[in-house]
Amino acid sequence: MVVKAMAGPPAGSPARPNLRHLAVVAEVARRGSAQAAARAAFLSQPAVTQAIAAVERWLGGALFLRSATGMAPLPAALGCLARIERALAELRSAGAGPLLQVPGSTRGLRGLSVAQLEALIAVVEQGGASAAARALGVSRPTLHRATRSLESLAGVALFEQTSFGLTPTREATRLARHAQLAFSELAQARAELAAAAGAEVGRTVVGVMPLARSALVPRALMAFAGRHPAHTVELLDGTYESLLAALRGGRAHVLVGALRDPAPASDVQEEFLFEDPLALVVRARHPLARQRAPGPAAARAPGRAELARYPWIAPRRGSPLRRHYERLFPVDPPAGVIECNSLEVARALLLNSDRVMLASARPAGLELESGLLAVLPHPDGPVARRIGLTLRRGWQPTATQAALIAQLRAEARALA
């Protein structure tokens, strides 16, 4: 297993096939022959044959059993073909004007290219044309040609010129998200075909939040790696908002960490794994820690007035942990608060000051077991936050991805 740690969206995927060729392959699978697909797509039979060959080269394997009576999908290719159908459905569900208005047909894809969609995605993700051109490694004129031709095909405004340059419209953002989801399905289509041939390839992008980074995900990956050494796992770090955007856009497959209540969007679903007990964390020689009598049973929970006398490290606003922090001080919060979402920075602040932090009572991540930091009980008694998985509704993992999700669940049960 290859593990890649990233601080942003995953690197660009390999070159993708012609979208019209994919639509032709889907027609052949539905109709059972190249001749019938050629009639439906208004193409010559040699053109259909060439399209199939191009897609099979990209996928690295055969899709159909050729016979005198037609072309039937190979059993090993059924999962791959289903992914191709899902990718095309994502593009057609974007609803961008007349661009994809012919469901179930190749005509709706006429003139649409991967380069155009990649340019659109880059402009949306980078927030402008200049940054998008740099990210793609192309000139601005090349990027503008791709985006303007896409806008002409769509028949709706995808970009607007502002004082900040070329910026995407709401329609552009919608189309970019569906395009990214389509590309994600195509990547999984290749993995499906390879797995059917006995070669384990593919990748899973896991968005990890603080507790998951220090405890759950590393344990799951170590157990998973021995059984799936060829599968790439990419760990995506960042704010919850950026991780959620990556999940909804198909750039991440699963998020692991604190759950939101309610779920943050209708197109995602949350799965509860375990409750993470919360406690107050301070340096070992903190005045509050020195007040404890020897032995863990004698640990005393400090009162709110006592806690308010010390400076604090507070969780980021909007996080589940922040709500627990705000319940500690509903009226007069401490002054001089530092908002921090990094365990490494928080640890340094705790070790070198009398600051207090509300955090997981589990030792992983803050190195509580080293004796440098101490844990004090929560003033309200047992308090916990919910930890789990966040998945995109309708996402269908490959067999290897499903094995990784199962391993995360197993390690969560062990932690619980």
Protein backbone atom coordinates (compact mmCIF):
# COMPACT_ATOMS: atom_id res chain seq x y z
CA MET A 1 0.00 0.00 0.00
CA VAL A 2 1.27 3.45 -0.90
CA VAL A 3 0.23 6.22 1.48
CA LYS A 4 0.40 9.84 0.34
CA ALA A 5 -0.19 12.68 2.78
CA MET A 6 -1.53 15.86 1.20
CA ALA A 7 -2.43 19.32 2.42
CA GLY A 8 -4.79 19.99 -0.48
CA PRO A 9 -6.78 18.24 -3.19
CA PRO A 10 -5.21 15.12 -4.72
CA ALA A 11 -2.96 15.47 -7.75
CA GLY A 12 -4.52 15.28 -11.20
CA SER A 13 -5.54 11.85 -12.41
CA PRO A 14 -3.98 10.24 -15.52
CA ALA A 15 -5.10 11.13 -19.04
CA ARG A 16 -8.76 10.31 -19.58
CA PRO A 17 -10.50 8.90 -22.66
CA ASN A 18 -12.60 10.75 -25.20
CA LEU A 19 -16.05 11.29 -23.68
CA ARG A 20 -17.84 10.51 -26.93
CA HIS A 21 -15.95 7.22 -27.14
CA LEU A 22 -17.23 6.37 -23.67
CA ALA A 23 -20.80 7.14 -24.75
CA VAL A 24 -20.33 4.86 -27.78
CA VAL A 25 -19.10 2.02 -25.54
CA ALA A 26 -22.17 2.49 -23.34
CA GLU A 27 -24.41 2.27 -26.43
CA VAL A 28 -22.73 -0.99 -27.48
CA ALA A 29 -23.25 -2.44 -24.01
CA ARG A 30 -26.92 -1.46 -24.05
CA ARG A 31 -27.69 -2.59 -27.62
CA GLY A 32 -25.50 -5.65 -27.93
CA SER A 33 -23.80 -4.89 -31.23
CA ALA A 34 -21.55 -2.33 -32.91
CA GLN A 35 -24.00 -2.04 -35.78
CA ALA A 36 -26.96 -1.12 -33.56
CA ALA A 37 -24.80 1.33 -31.61
CA ALA A 38 -23.61 2.93 -34.86
CA ARG A 39 -27.21 3.55 -35.94
CA ALA A 40 -28.15 5.02 -32.55
CA ALA A 41 -25.10 7.28 -32.48
CA PHE A 42 -25.26 8.29 -36.17
CA LEU A 43 -21.77 6.91 -36.73
CA SER A 44 -20.20 4.44 -39.09
CA GLN A 45 -19.51 0.95 -37.78
CA PRO A 46 -15.71 1.41 -38.18
CA ALA A 47 -15.97 4.56 -36.03
CA VAL A 48 -17.73 2.56 -33.32
CA THR A 49 -15.05 -0.13 -33.52
CA GLN A 50 -12.32 2.51 -33.18
CA ALA A 51 -14.07 4.06 -30.18
CA ILE A 52 -14.25 0.69 -28.40
CA ALA A 53 -10.58 0.02 -29.11
CA ALA A 54 -9.57 3.43 -27.76
CA VAL A 55 -11.49 2.96 -24.51
CA GLU A 56 -10.17 -0.58 -24.05
CA ARG A 57 -6.60 0.71 -24.50
CA TRP A 58 -7.22 3.36 -21.85
CA LEU A 59 -8.75 0.85 -19.47
CA GLY A 60 -6.08 -1.76 -20.10
CA GLY A 61 -8.42 -4.64 -20.84
CA ALA A 62 -11.19 -5.99 -23.07
CA LEU A 63 -14.81 -5.07 -22.46
CA PHE A 64 -16.75 -7.22 -24.93
CA LEU A 65 -16.92 -10.75 -26.26
CA ARG A 66 -17.10 -10.47 -30.05
CA SER A 67 -19.17 -13.01 -31.97
CA ALA A 68 -21.05 -13.33 -35.22
CA THR A 69 -24.28 -12.33 -33.45
CA GLY A 70 -22.96 -9.19 -31.79
CA MET A 71 -20.97 -7.96 -28.81
CA ALA A 72 -21.74 -9.01 -25.26
CA PRO A 73 -20.10 -7.47 -22.18
CA LEU A 74 -17.52 -9.77 -20.62
CA PRO A 75 -18.49 -10.80 -17.08
CA ALA A 76 -15.26 -9.27 -15.78
CA ALA A 77 -16.15 -5.95 -17.41
CA LEU A 78 -19.66 -5.53 -16.00
CA GLY A 79 -18.52 -3.46 -13.01
CA CYS A 80 -16.37 -1.28 -15.24
CA LEU A 81 -19.20 -0.67 -17.71
CA ALA A 82 -21.54 0.22 -14.85
CA ARG A 83 -19.01 2.86 -13.73
CA ILE A 84 -18.87 4.30 -17.25
CA GLU A 85 -22.67 4.58 -17.24
CA ARG A 86 -22.53 6.34 -13.87
CA ALA A 87 -19.90 8.76 -15.15
CA LEU A 88 -22.01 9.67 -18.19
CA ALA A 89 -25.08 10.02 -15.98
CA GLU A 90 -23.18 12.50 -13.79
CA LEU A 91 -22.39 14.64 -16.83
CA ARG A 92 -25.93 14.50 -18.12
CA SER A 93 -27.38 15.37 -14.71
CA ALA A 94 -25.42 18.62 -14.66
CA GLY A 95 -28.27 20.28 -16.55
CA ALA A 96 -26.10 22.93 -18.21
CA GLY A 97 -28.36 24.15 -21.01
CA PRO A 98 -28.36 22.18 -24.28
CA LEU A 99 -24.88 20.77 -23.63
CA LEU A 100 -26.09 17.41 -22.33
CA GLN A 101 -29.76 17.52 -23.17
CA VAL A 102 -30.06 14.12 -24.86
CA PRO A 103 -30.11 11.52 -22.08
CA GLY A 104 -28.96 8.06 -23.11
CA SER A 105 -27.43 9.31 -26.35
CA THR A 106 -23.99 10.29 -27.62
CA ARG A 107 -25.38 13.42 -29.27
CA GLY A 108 -25.50 15.26 -25.97
CA LEU A 109 -21.73 14.86 -25.72
CA ARG A 110 -20.90 16.18 -29.18
CA GLY A 111 -18.05 18.64 -28.98
CA LEU A 112 -17.53 18.16 -25.24
CA SER A 113 -13.95 17.32 -24.28
CA VAL A 114 -12.05 16.32 -21.17
CA ALA A 115 -9.77 19.34 -21.66
CA GLN A 116 -12.76 21.70 -21.47
CA LEU A 117 -14.02 20.11 -18.26
CA GLU A 118 -10.58 20.06 -16.69
CA ALA A 119 -10.20 23.77 -17.48
CA LEU A 120 -13.59 24.44 -15.89
CA ILE A 121 -12.73 22.44 -12.77
CA ALA A 122 -9.42 24.28 -12.43
CA VAL A 123 -11.06 27.72 -12.69
CA VAL A 124 -13.67 26.76 -10.07
CA GLU A 125 -11.15 25.23 -7.67
CA GLN A 126 -8.47 27.89 -8.10
CA GLY A 127 -10.93 30.80 -8.08
CA GLY A 128 -9.72 32.41 -11.29
CA ALA A 129 -8.18 31.94 -14.71
CA SER A 130 -4.57 32.87 -13.88
CA ALA A 131 -4.27 30.42 -11.00
CA ALA A 132 -6.09 27.76 -13.03
CA ALA A 133 -3.69 28.12 -15.96
CA ARG A 134 -0.72 27.75 -13.60
CA ALA A 135 -2.27 24.69 -11.95
CA LEU A 136 -2.84 23.01 -15.33
CA GLY A 137 0.50 24.09 -16.76
CA VAL A 138 -1.07 25.83 -19.78
CA SER A 139 -1.10 29.39 -21.05
CA ARG A 140 -3.99 31.72 -20.24
CA PRO A 141 -5.05 31.94 -23.92
CA THR A 142 -5.24 28.13 -24.05
CA LEU A 143 -7.34 28.07 -20.90
CA HIS A 144 -9.63 30.82 -22.19
CA ARG A 145 -10.22 28.96 -25.46
CA ALA A 146 -11.23 25.82 -23.58
CA THR A 147 -13.56 27.62 -21.19
CA ARG A 148 -15.18 29.81 -23.85
CA SER A 149 -15.82 26.85 -26.16
CA LEU A 150 -17.40 25.02 -23.22
CA GLU A 151 -19.57 28.02 -22.46
CA SER A 152 -20.69 28.14 -26.09
CA LEU A 153 -21.64 24.45 -25.95
CA ALA A 154 -23.49 24.88 -22.67
CA GLY A 155 -25.59 27.78 -23.89
CA VAL A 156 -25.50 29.37 -20.45
CA ALA A 157 -23.09 31.79 -18.80
CA LEU A 158 -20.36 29.85 -17.02
CA PHE A 159 -18.02 32.76 -16.34
CA GLU A 160 -18.22 36.44 -15.65
CA GLN A 161 -15.58 39.12 -15.90
CA THR A 162 -15.06 40.97 -12.64
CA SER A 163 -12.43 43.31 -11.27
CA PHE A 164 -10.68 40.18 -9.99
CA GLY A 165 -10.67 38.55 -13.44
CA LEU A 166 -12.63 35.61 -14.84
CA THR A 167 -14.80 34.05 -12.12
CA PRO A 168 -17.16 31.05 -12.33
CA THR A 169 -20.94 31.36 -12.09
CA ARG A 170 -23.24 29.08 -10.12
CA GLU A 171 -23.85 27.01 -13.28
CA ALA A 172 -20.09 26.61 -13.68
CA THR A 173 -19.72 25.38 -10.12
CA ARG A 174 -22.54 22.89 -10.62
CA LEU A 175 -21.11 21.52 -13.87
CA ALA A 176 -17.60 21.33 -12.40
CA ARG A 177 -18.82 19.26 -9.46
CA HIS A 178 -20.63 16.79 -11.73
CA ALA A 179 -17.59 16.60 -14.02
CA GLN A 180 -15.32 15.83 -11.07
CA LEU A 181 -17.73 13.12 -9.89
CA ALA A 182 -17.73 11.68 -13.42
CA PHE A 183 -13.93 11.61 -13.47
CA SER A 184 -13.95 9.87 -10.09
CA GLU A 185 -16.23 7.16 -11.50
CA LEU A 186 -13.91 6.71 -14.49
CA ALA A 187 -10.92 6.23 -12.18
CA GLN A 188 -12.88 3.57 -10.34
CA ALA A 189 -13.88 1.98 -13.66
CA ARG A 190 -10.21 1.29 -14.38
CA ALA A 191 -9.78 -0.14 -10.89
CA GLU A 192 -12.82 -2.40 -11.36
CA LEU A 193 -11.46 -3.88 -14.60
CA ALA A 194 -7.98 -4.35 -13.15
CA ALA A 195 -9.40 -6.04 -10.04
CA ALA A 196 -11.42 -8.42 -12.21
CA ALA A 197 -8.16 -9.39 -13.94
CA GLY A 198 -6.48 -10.05 -10.60
CA ALA A 199 -4.42 -6.85 -10.48
CA GLU A 200 -5.13 -4.61 -7.51
CA VAL A 201 -4.77 -0.97 -8.45
CA GLY A 202 -6.70 2.20 -7.69
CA ARG A 203 -6.69 4.59 -4.77
CA THR A 204 -8.78 5.84 -1.91
CA VAL A 205 -8.64 9.45 -0.74
CA VAL A 206 -9.36 9.78 2.98
CA GLY A 207 -10.08 13.17 4.52
CA VAL A 208 -8.74 13.04 8.07
CA MET A 209 -9.66 15.25 11.01
CA PRO A 210 -7.47 15.67 14.13
CA LEU A 211 -8.43 12.62 16.20
CA ALA A 212 -8.50 10.41 13.09
CA ARG A 213 -4.99 11.57 12.14
CA SER A 214 -3.51 10.54 15.47
CA ALA A 215 -5.33 7.33 16.31
CA LEU A 216 -7.98 5.75 14.12
CA VAL A 217 -6.63 6.13 10.57
CA PRO A 218 -3.00 5.08 11.24
CA ARG A 219 -4.16 1.90 12.99
CA ALA A 220 -6.56 1.07 10.17
CA LEU A 221 -3.93 1.70 7.49
CA MET A 222 -1.36 -0.54 9.15
CA ALA A 223 -3.86 -3.41 9.23
CA PHE A 224 -5.10 -2.70 5.69
CA ALA A 225 -1.61 -2.44 4.12
CA GLY A 226 -0.67 -6.07 4.65
CA ARG A 227 -3.66 -7.32 2.68
CA HIS A 228 -3.69 -4.64 -0.04
CA PRO A 229 -0.08 -3.61 -0.73
CA ALA A 230 -0.75 -2.22 -4.24
CA HIS A 231 -3.61 0.07 -3.30
CA THR A 232 -2.79 3.76 -2.90
CA VAL A 233 -4.29 5.64 0.03
CA GLU A 234 -4.06 9.43 -0.05
CA LEU A 235 -4.59 11.30 3.22
CA LEU A 236 -6.18 14.68 2.73
CA ASP A 237 -5.64 17.27 5.45
CA GLY A 238 -7.32 20.64 5.87
CA THR A 239 -10.27 22.43 7.40
CA TYR A 240 -13.56 20.59 7.68
CA GLU A 241 -15.05 22.88 5.03
CA SER A 242 -12.31 22.04 2.51
CA LEU A 243 -12.57 18.32 3.27
CA LEU A 244 -16.35 18.38 2.85
CA ALA A 245 -16.00 20.19 -0.50
CA ALA A 246 -13.51 17.53 -1.62
CA LEU A 247 -15.92 14.76 -0.62
CA ARG A 248 -18.93 16.32 -2.37
CA GLY A 249 -16.86 16.98 -5.47
CA GLY A 250 -15.49 13.45 -5.77
CA ARG A 251 -11.91 14.41 -4.83
CA ALA A 252 -12.20 12.48 -1.56
CA HIS A 253 -14.01 9.22 -0.90
CA VAL A 254 -14.53 9.30 2.86
CA LEU A 255 -14.03 11.69 5.78
CA VAL A 256 -13.06 10.36 9.20
CA GLY A 257 -13.55 12.42 12.34
CA ALA A 258 -16.08 14.35 14.38
CA LEU A 259 -19.63 14.20 13.03
CA ARG A 260 -21.87 17.22 12.52
CA ASP A 261 -25.43 17.37 13.77
CA PRO A 262 -27.33 17.57 11.53
CA ALA A 263 -25.41 16.27 8.51
CA PRO A 264 -23.90 19.23 6.62
CA ALA A 265 -25.58 18.59 3.24
CA SER A 266 -28.30 16.45 1.72
CA ASP A 267 -25.85 14.66 -0.61
CA VAL A 268 -23.72 13.26 2.22
CA GLN A 269 -24.47 10.77 4.97
CA GLU A 270 -22.82 10.22 8.32
CA GLU A 271 -22.09 6.91 10.05
CA PHE A 272 -21.52 6.94 13.81
CA LEU A 273 -18.56 4.84 15.00
CA PHE A 274 -17.88 5.68 18.66
CA GLU A 275 -18.00 8.38 21.31
CA ASP A 276 -14.78 10.22 22.10
CA PRO A 277 -14.63 11.35 25.78
CA LEU A 278 -13.53 14.95 26.32
CA ALA A 279 -11.31 16.35 29.04
CA LEU A 280 -9.23 19.40 29.93
CA VAL A 281 -5.58 19.21 28.89
CA VAL A 282 -2.83 21.27 30.55
CA ARG A 283 0.91 21.00 31.07
CA ALA A 284 1.95 18.63 33.84
CA ARG A 285 3.20 21.47 36.08
CA HIS A 286 0.14 23.65 35.50
CA PRO A 287 -1.33 25.14 38.72
CA LEU A 288 -4.57 23.24 38.13
CA ALA A 289 -2.69 19.95 37.71
CA ARG A 290 -0.65 20.50 40.89
CA GLN A 291 -3.86 20.81 42.90
CA ARG A 292 -4.63 17.14 42.35
CA ALA A 293 -3.92 14.60 45.02
CA PRO A 294 -1.76 11.63 43.95
CA GLY A 295 -3.53 8.89 42.02
CA PRO A 296 -6.02 9.03 39.14
CA ALA A 297 -9.04 8.50 41.37
CA ALA A 298 -8.31 11.73 43.20
CA ALA A 299 -8.42 13.94 40.07
CA ARG A 300 -10.68 16.91 40.74
CA ALA A 301 -12.70 18.72 38.09
CA PRO A 302 -11.96 22.46 38.30
CA GLY A 303 -14.91 24.86 38.36
CA ARG A 304 -15.80 27.26 35.56
CA ALA A 305 -14.74 30.35 37.48
CA GLU A 306 -11.41 28.72 38.18
CA LEU A 307 -10.94 27.78 34.51
CA ALA A 308 -11.83 31.27 33.30
CA ARG A 309 -8.78 32.70 35.11
CA TYR A 310 -6.42 30.98 32.65
CA PRO A 311 -5.84 31.63 28.93
CA TRP A 312 -7.32 29.03 26.60
CA ILE A 313 -6.73 27.28 23.31
CA ALA A 314 -10.14 27.15 21.64
CA PRO A 315 -11.32 24.93 18.74
CA ARG A 316 -12.18 26.51 15.40
CA ARG A 317 -15.60 28.14 15.15
CA GLY A 318 -18.31 25.91 13.74
CA SER A 319 -16.73 22.65 14.86
CA PRO A 320 -18.49 20.20 17.21
CA LEU A 321 -15.68 20.69 19.74
CA ARG A 322 -16.26 24.46 19.62
CA ARG A 323 -19.84 23.99 20.77
CA HIS A 324 -18.62 22.00 23.78
CA TYR A 325 -16.13 24.78 24.54
CA GLU A 326 -18.82 27.48 24.34
CA ARG A 327 -21.00 25.52 26.78
CA LEU A 328 -18.19 25.83 29.33
CA PHE A 329 -18.39 29.64 29.19
CA PRO A 330 -21.92 30.64 28.13
CA VAL A 331 -21.60 34.16 29.61
CA ASP A 332 -18.02 35.39 30.12
CA PRO A 333 -15.49 33.52 27.95
CA PRO A 334 -11.80 33.79 28.89
CA ALA A 335 -9.76 36.61 27.35
CA GLY A 336 -6.78 36.13 25.06
CA VAL A 337 -8.06 32.94 23.45
CA ILE A 338 -6.00 31.36 20.66
CA GLU A 339 -8.13 29.45 18.13
CA CYS A 340 -6.22 26.42 16.90
CA ASN A 341 -7.05 23.25 14.95
CA SER A 342 -3.52 21.80 14.92
CA LEU A 343 -2.56 19.26 17.57
CA GLU A 344 1.13 19.98 16.99
CA VAL A 345 0.74 23.73 17.57
CA ALA A 346 -1.61 23.16 20.51
CA ARG A 347 0.90 20.83 22.15
CA ALA A 348 3.67 23.43 21.90
CA LEU A 349 1.40 26.11 23.36
CA LEU A 350 0.33 23.88 26.24
CA LEU A 351 3.89 22.86 27.14
CA ASN A 352 5.10 26.44 27.24
CA SER A 353 2.27 28.25 29.01
CA ASP A 354 -0.55 27.90 31.51
CA ARG A 355 -3.12 27.60 28.73
CA VAL A 356 -5.97 25.12 28.97
CA MET A 357 -7.46 23.14 26.10
CA LEU A 358 -10.62 21.09 25.72
CA ALA A 359 -9.64 17.98 23.80
CA SER A 360 -9.96 14.23 23.49
CA ALA A 361 -9.13 12.40 26.69
CA ARG A 362 -7.31 9.78 24.59
CA PRO A 363 -3.54 10.08 24.85
CA ALA A 364 -2.74 9.75 21.14
CA GLY A 365 -1.82 12.95 19.35
CA LEU A 366 -0.99 15.12 22.37
CA GLU A 367 1.44 12.59 23.91
CA LEU A 368 -0.29 12.63 27.28
CA GLU A 369 1.36 9.33 28.12
CA SER A 370 4.78 11.02 28.17
CA GLY A 371 3.93 12.77 31.43
CA LEU A 372 4.53 16.23 29.95
CA LEU A 373 0.80 16.94 29.76
CA ALA A 374 -1.99 16.20 32.21
CA VAL A 375 -5.71 15.48 31.84
CA LEU A 376 -8.32 16.99 34.16
CA PRO A 377 -11.97 15.89 34.29
CA HIS A 378 -14.61 17.93 32.51
CA PRO A 379 -16.60 20.14 34.93
CA ASP A 380 -19.87 18.59 33.71
CA GLY A 381 -18.77 15.00 34.25
CA PRO A 382 -18.64 12.55 31.32
CA VAL A 383 -18.89 14.54 28.07
CA ALA A 384 -18.16 13.13 24.63
CA ARG A 385 -18.33 14.00 20.94
CA ARG A 386 -19.45 11.64 18.19
CA ILE A 387 -16.78 10.25 15.83
CA GLY A 388 -17.59 8.54 12.55
CA LEU A 389 -17.45 8.42 8.77
CA THR A 390 -18.90 10.92 6.33
CA LEU A 391 -19.68 9.49 2.89
CA ARG A 392 -21.23 10.82 -0.30
CA ARG A 393 -24.74 9.49 -0.87
CA GLY A 394 -24.81 7.06 -3.78
CA TRP A 395 -21.07 6.42 -3.69
CA GLN A 396 -20.28 2.83 -4.60
CA PRO A 397 -16.83 1.78 -3.39
CA THR A 398 -14.72 -0.78 -5.20
CA ALA A 399 -14.09 -4.03 -3.35
CA THR A 400 -10.74 -2.72 -2.09
CA GLN A 401 -12.22 0.59 -0.99
CA ALA A 402 -14.96 -1.31 0.83
CA ALA A 403 -12.24 -3.32 2.59
CA LEU A 404 -10.59 -0.11 3.80
CA ILE A 405 -13.93 1.21 5.09
CA ALA A 406 -14.50 -2.10 6.89
CA GLN A 407 -11.05 -1.82 8.48
CA LEU A 408 -11.84 1.70 9.71
CA ARG A 409 -15.01 0.36 11.31
CA ALA A 410 -13.10 -2.52 12.94
CA GLU A 411 -10.46 -0.20 14.40
CA ALA A 412 -13.18 2.14 15.63
CA ARG A 413 -14.77 -0.74 17.53
CA ALA A 414 -11.40 -1.49 19.10
CA LEU A 415 -10.95 2.15 20.13
CA ALA A 416 -14.46 2.26 21.58
